[in-house]
C-alpha cells in the first residue's frame, strides 16, 4: 500500500468513528439522567480509544521499522544474508 492510501484509510477511520460517536451522543443526550450521561460518555470514549489503538500501534511499528532507521537497516541486511533466493530443497549446481 502506498502512503497516500494509508492516510486516506486512517482519515476515513477517524471520520467514521467521530460520526458514529456524535450520532449516538445526540440520540442519547436528552434521554438520560446526569449519571447515565457520564457513564455513556466514558464508555464511548473508551470504545473509541480501543478502536483507534491498532492504528496507533501500526504507526509506531512503521516508525520504528522504517528503512532509514538502524533497526530497519539491520533487519534488511539480516534478511538479505538469510535468503539466497532459492528454496532449501532446490539443487544448485
N, C-alpha and C. Protein backbone atom coordinates (compact mmCIF):
# COMPACT_ATOMS: atom_id res chain seq x y z
N UNK A 1 0.83 -1.19 0.00
CA UNK A 1 0.00 0.00 0.00
C UNK A 1 0.87 1.24 0.00
N UNK A 2 0.39 2.25 -0.64
CA UNK A 2 1.14 3.49 -0.68
C UNK A 2 0.81 4.33 0.55
N UNK A 3 1.65 5.32 0.78
CA UNK A 3 1.43 6.19 1.93
C UNK A 3 0.14 6.98 1.81
N UNK A 4 -0.22 7.37 0.60
CA UNK A 4 -1.44 8.15 0.42
C UNK A 4 -2.68 7.33 0.73
N UNK A 5 -2.69 6.04 0.34
CA UNK A 5 -3.86 5.21 0.65
C UNK A 5 -3.94 4.92 2.14
N UNK A 6 -2.79 4.80 2.81
CA UNK A 6 -2.79 4.63 4.27
C UNK A 6 -3.37 5.86 4.95
N UNK A 7 -3.00 7.03 4.47
CA UNK A 7 -3.51 8.27 5.05
C UNK A 7 -5.01 8.39 4.83
N UNK A 8 -5.48 8.00 3.66
CA UNK A 8 -6.91 8.05 3.37
C UNK A 8 -7.66 7.09 4.28
N UNK A 9 -7.14 5.88 4.45
CA UNK A 9 -7.80 4.91 5.32
C UNK A 9 -7.83 5.38 6.76
N UNK A 10 -6.74 5.94 7.23
CA UNK A 10 -6.68 6.44 8.60
C UNK A 10 -7.66 7.59 8.79
N UNK A 11 -7.71 8.49 7.84
CA UNK A 11 -8.64 9.62 7.92
C UNK A 11 -10.09 9.14 7.89
N UNK A 12 -10.37 8.18 7.01
CA UNK A 12 -11.72 7.65 6.93
C UNK A 12 -12.13 6.97 8.23
N UNK A 13 -11.21 6.24 8.83
CA UNK A 13 -11.47 5.59 10.11
C UNK A 13 -11.80 6.63 11.18
N UNK A 14 -11.03 7.69 11.23
CA UNK A 14 -11.26 8.73 12.24
C UNK A 14 -12.60 9.43 12.02
N UNK A 15 -12.92 9.73 10.78
CA UNK A 15 -14.17 10.42 10.48
C UNK A 15 -15.38 9.54 10.82
N UNK A 16 -15.31 8.26 10.46
CA UNK A 16 -16.44 7.38 10.75
C UNK A 16 -16.63 7.18 12.24
N UNK A 17 -15.55 7.04 12.98
CA UNK A 17 -15.67 6.90 14.43
C UNK A 17 -16.27 8.16 15.05
N UNK A 18 -15.83 9.29 14.59
CA UNK A 18 -16.36 10.55 15.12
C UNK A 18 -17.84 10.69 14.80
N UNK A 19 -18.21 10.37 13.57
CA UNK A 19 -19.62 10.49 13.18
C UNK A 19 -20.51 9.56 13.98
N UNK A 20 -20.08 8.33 14.17
CA UNK A 20 -20.88 7.38 14.95
C UNK A 20 -20.99 7.85 16.40
N UNK A 21 -19.91 8.28 16.96
CA UNK A 21 -19.93 8.75 18.35
C UNK A 21 -20.82 9.97 18.54
N UNK A 22 -20.72 10.91 17.63
CA UNK A 22 -21.58 12.11 17.72
C UNK A 22 -23.05 11.75 17.52
N UNK A 23 -23.32 10.86 16.59
CA UNK A 23 -24.70 10.45 16.35
C UNK A 23 -25.31 9.76 17.56
N UNK A 24 -24.57 8.86 18.15
CA UNK A 24 -25.07 8.18 19.36
C UNK A 24 -25.23 9.19 20.49
N UNK A 25 -24.29 10.08 20.63
CA UNK A 25 -24.37 11.10 21.68
C UNK A 25 -25.59 11.99 21.53
N UNK A 26 -25.87 12.40 20.29
CA UNK A 26 -27.04 13.24 20.05
C UNK A 26 -28.34 12.49 20.31
N UNK A 27 -28.38 11.22 19.96
CA UNK A 27 -29.58 10.43 20.19
C UNK A 27 -29.86 10.22 21.68
N UNK A 28 -28.81 10.06 22.45
CA UNK A 28 -28.99 9.74 23.86
C UNK A 28 -28.94 10.94 24.80
N UNK A 29 -28.53 12.10 24.31
CA UNK A 29 -28.26 13.25 25.18
C UNK A 29 -29.45 13.66 26.04
N UNK A 30 -30.63 13.79 25.47
CA UNK A 30 -31.77 14.27 26.23
C UNK A 30 -32.52 13.18 26.97
N UNK A 31 -32.22 11.93 26.70
CA UNK A 31 -33.00 10.85 27.26
C UNK A 31 -32.38 10.23 28.51
N UNK A 32 -31.20 10.65 28.88
CA UNK A 32 -30.51 10.06 30.02
C UNK A 32 -30.36 11.07 31.15
N UNK A 33 -30.31 10.54 32.36
CA UNK A 33 -30.01 11.39 33.52
C UNK A 33 -28.52 11.68 33.57
N UNK A 34 -28.12 12.57 34.45
CA UNK A 34 -26.72 13.00 34.54
C UNK A 34 -25.75 11.84 34.81
N UNK A 35 -26.01 10.95 35.77
CA UNK A 35 -25.06 9.84 35.99
C UNK A 35 -24.96 8.91 34.78
N UNK A 36 -26.08 8.66 34.12
CA UNK A 36 -26.07 7.79 32.94
C UNK A 36 -25.33 8.47 31.79
N UNK A 37 -25.44 9.79 31.68
CA UNK A 37 -24.71 10.51 30.63
C UNK A 37 -23.20 10.36 30.83
N UNK A 38 -22.75 10.49 32.08
CA UNK A 38 -21.32 10.36 32.37
C UNK A 38 -20.83 8.95 32.06
N UNK A 39 -21.62 7.96 32.43
CA UNK A 39 -21.24 6.57 32.17
C UNK A 39 -21.19 6.30 30.67
N UNK A 40 -22.19 6.78 29.95
CA UNK A 40 -22.23 6.59 28.50
C UNK A 40 -21.06 7.29 27.82
N UNK A 41 -20.77 8.51 28.25
CA UNK A 41 -19.64 9.25 27.66
C UNK A 41 -18.32 8.52 27.91
N UNK A 42 -18.13 8.04 29.11
CA UNK A 42 -16.90 7.31 29.45
C UNK A 42 -16.79 6.04 28.61
N UNK A 43 -17.90 5.34 28.46
CA UNK A 43 -17.91 4.11 27.67
C UNK A 43 -17.59 4.40 26.21
N UNK A 44 -18.20 5.43 25.65
CA UNK A 44 -17.96 5.77 24.25
C UNK A 44 -16.52 6.20 24.01
N UNK A 45 -15.96 6.96 24.93
CA UNK A 45 -14.56 7.38 24.80
C UNK A 45 -13.64 6.16 24.87
N UNK A 46 -13.94 5.24 25.77
CA UNK A 46 -13.13 4.03 25.91
C UNK A 46 -13.20 3.18 24.64
N UNK A 47 -14.39 3.01 24.10
CA UNK A 47 -14.54 2.23 22.87
C UNK A 47 -13.81 2.90 21.72
N UNK A 48 -13.91 4.21 21.61
CA UNK A 48 -13.20 4.94 20.56
C UNK A 48 -11.69 4.77 20.69
N UNK A 49 -11.18 4.82 21.92
CA UNK A 49 -9.74 4.64 22.13
C UNK A 49 -9.32 3.22 21.76
N UNK A 50 -10.11 2.24 22.12
CA UNK A 50 -9.78 0.85 21.78
C UNK A 50 -9.81 0.62 20.27
N UNK A 51 -10.75 1.25 19.58
CA UNK A 51 -10.83 1.10 18.13
C UNK A 51 -9.66 1.81 17.42
N UNK A 52 -9.17 2.88 18.02
CA UNK A 52 -8.06 3.62 17.41
C UNK A 52 -6.71 3.00 17.75
N UNK A 53 -6.65 2.15 18.76
CA UNK A 53 -5.38 1.58 19.22
C UNK A 53 -4.62 0.83 18.12
N UNK A 54 -5.26 -0.01 17.31
CA UNK A 54 -4.49 -0.69 16.26
C UNK A 54 -3.83 0.27 15.27
N UNK A 55 -4.50 1.35 14.95
CA UNK A 55 -3.93 2.33 14.02
C UNK A 55 -2.69 2.98 14.63
N UNK A 56 -2.75 3.30 15.92
CA UNK A 56 -1.61 3.91 16.61
C UNK A 56 -0.45 2.92 16.68
N UNK A 57 -0.74 1.67 17.00
CA UNK A 57 0.31 0.65 17.10
C UNK A 57 0.99 0.45 15.75
N UNK A 58 0.22 0.38 14.68
CA UNK A 58 0.80 0.23 13.34
C UNK A 58 1.68 1.42 12.99
N UNK A 59 1.24 2.61 13.34
CA UNK A 59 2.05 3.81 13.04
C UNK A 59 3.38 3.78 13.80
N UNK A 60 3.35 3.36 15.06
CA UNK A 60 4.58 3.28 15.86
C UNK A 60 5.50 2.21 15.30
N UNK A 61 4.95 1.05 14.95
CA UNK A 61 5.77 -0.02 14.39
C UNK A 61 6.42 0.42 13.09
N UNK A 62 5.66 1.11 12.24
CA UNK A 62 6.23 1.59 10.98
C UNK A 62 7.33 2.62 11.22
N UNK A 63 7.15 3.47 12.22
CA UNK A 63 8.18 4.47 12.52
C UNK A 63 9.45 3.82 13.03
N UNK A 64 9.31 2.78 13.83
CA UNK A 64 10.49 2.10 14.38
C UNK A 64 11.19 1.27 13.31
N UNK A 65 10.43 0.65 12.43
CA UNK A 65 11.00 -0.25 11.43
C UNK A 65 11.19 0.39 10.06
N UNK A 66 11.13 1.69 9.96
CA UNK A 66 11.30 2.33 8.66
C UNK A 66 12.70 2.01 8.13
N UNK A 67 12.84 1.95 6.82
CA UNK A 67 14.12 1.53 6.24
C UNK A 67 15.30 2.41 6.65
N UNK A 68 15.06 3.66 6.95
CA UNK A 68 16.17 4.56 7.29
C UNK A 68 16.67 4.37 8.72
N UNK A 69 15.89 3.71 9.57
CA UNK A 69 16.29 3.54 10.96
C UNK A 69 17.35 2.46 11.08
N UNK A 70 18.09 2.48 12.17
CA UNK A 70 19.13 1.47 12.38
C UNK A 70 18.52 0.08 12.45
N UNK A 71 17.38 -0.04 13.12
CA UNK A 71 16.73 -1.35 13.22
C UNK A 71 16.26 -1.82 11.85
N UNK A 72 15.70 -0.93 11.06
CA UNK A 72 15.25 -1.29 9.73
C UNK A 72 16.40 -1.75 8.85
N UNK A 73 17.54 -1.07 8.96
CA UNK A 73 18.71 -1.46 8.17
C UNK A 73 19.23 -2.83 8.60
N UNK A 74 19.26 -3.10 9.93
CA UNK A 74 19.71 -4.40 10.41
C UNK A 74 18.78 -5.51 9.93
N UNK A 75 17.47 -5.28 10.00
CA UNK A 75 16.51 -6.29 9.56
C UNK A 75 16.67 -6.58 8.07
N UNK A 76 16.86 -5.55 7.29
CA UNK A 76 17.02 -5.75 5.84
C UNK A 76 18.30 -6.51 5.54
N UNK A 77 19.38 -6.15 6.20
CA UNK A 77 20.65 -6.84 5.99
C UNK A 77 20.55 -8.29 6.43
N UNK A 78 19.91 -8.56 7.55
CA UNK A 78 19.72 -9.94 8.01
C UNK A 78 18.89 -10.74 7.02
N UNK A 79 17.85 -10.14 6.47
CA UNK A 79 17.02 -10.87 5.50
C UNK A 79 17.79 -11.15 4.22
N UNK A 80 18.66 -10.25 3.83
CA UNK A 80 19.47 -10.48 2.64
C UNK A 80 20.46 -11.60 2.89
N UNK A 81 21.05 -11.62 4.07
CA UNK A 81 22.02 -12.66 4.39
C UNK A 81 21.36 -14.04 4.50
N UNK A 82 20.16 -14.10 5.05
CA UNK A 82 19.47 -15.38 5.24
C UNK A 82 18.88 -15.92 3.95
N UNK A 83 18.41 -15.08 3.09
CA UNK A 83 17.68 -15.53 1.91
C UNK A 83 18.55 -15.42 0.67
N UNK A 84 18.90 -16.59 0.11
CA UNK A 84 19.71 -16.59 -1.11
C UNK A 84 18.84 -16.47 -2.35
N UNK A 85 17.52 -16.58 -2.18
CA UNK A 85 16.62 -16.50 -3.32
C UNK A 85 16.18 -17.87 -3.83
N UNK A 86 16.81 -18.92 -3.31
CA UNK A 86 16.44 -20.27 -3.71
C UNK A 86 15.84 -21.02 -2.53
N UNK A 87 14.83 -21.86 -2.79
CA UNK A 87 14.30 -22.67 -1.70
C UNK A 87 15.33 -23.66 -1.20
N UNK A 88 15.21 -24.10 0.04
CA UNK A 88 16.17 -25.01 0.64
C UNK A 88 16.23 -26.36 -0.11
N UNK A 89 15.12 -26.77 -0.73
CA UNK A 89 15.07 -28.07 -1.41
C UNK A 89 15.69 -28.03 -2.79
N UNK A 90 15.96 -26.86 -3.32
CA UNK A 90 16.44 -26.74 -4.69
C UNK A 90 17.90 -27.19 -4.79
N UNK A 91 18.19 -27.90 -5.89
CA UNK A 91 19.58 -28.30 -6.16
C UNK A 91 20.25 -27.16 -6.92
N UNK A 92 21.30 -26.65 -6.37
CA UNK A 92 22.03 -25.55 -7.01
C UNK A 92 23.32 -26.13 -7.56
N UNK A 93 23.51 -26.02 -8.84
CA UNK A 93 24.71 -26.58 -9.50
C UNK A 93 25.75 -25.57 -9.72
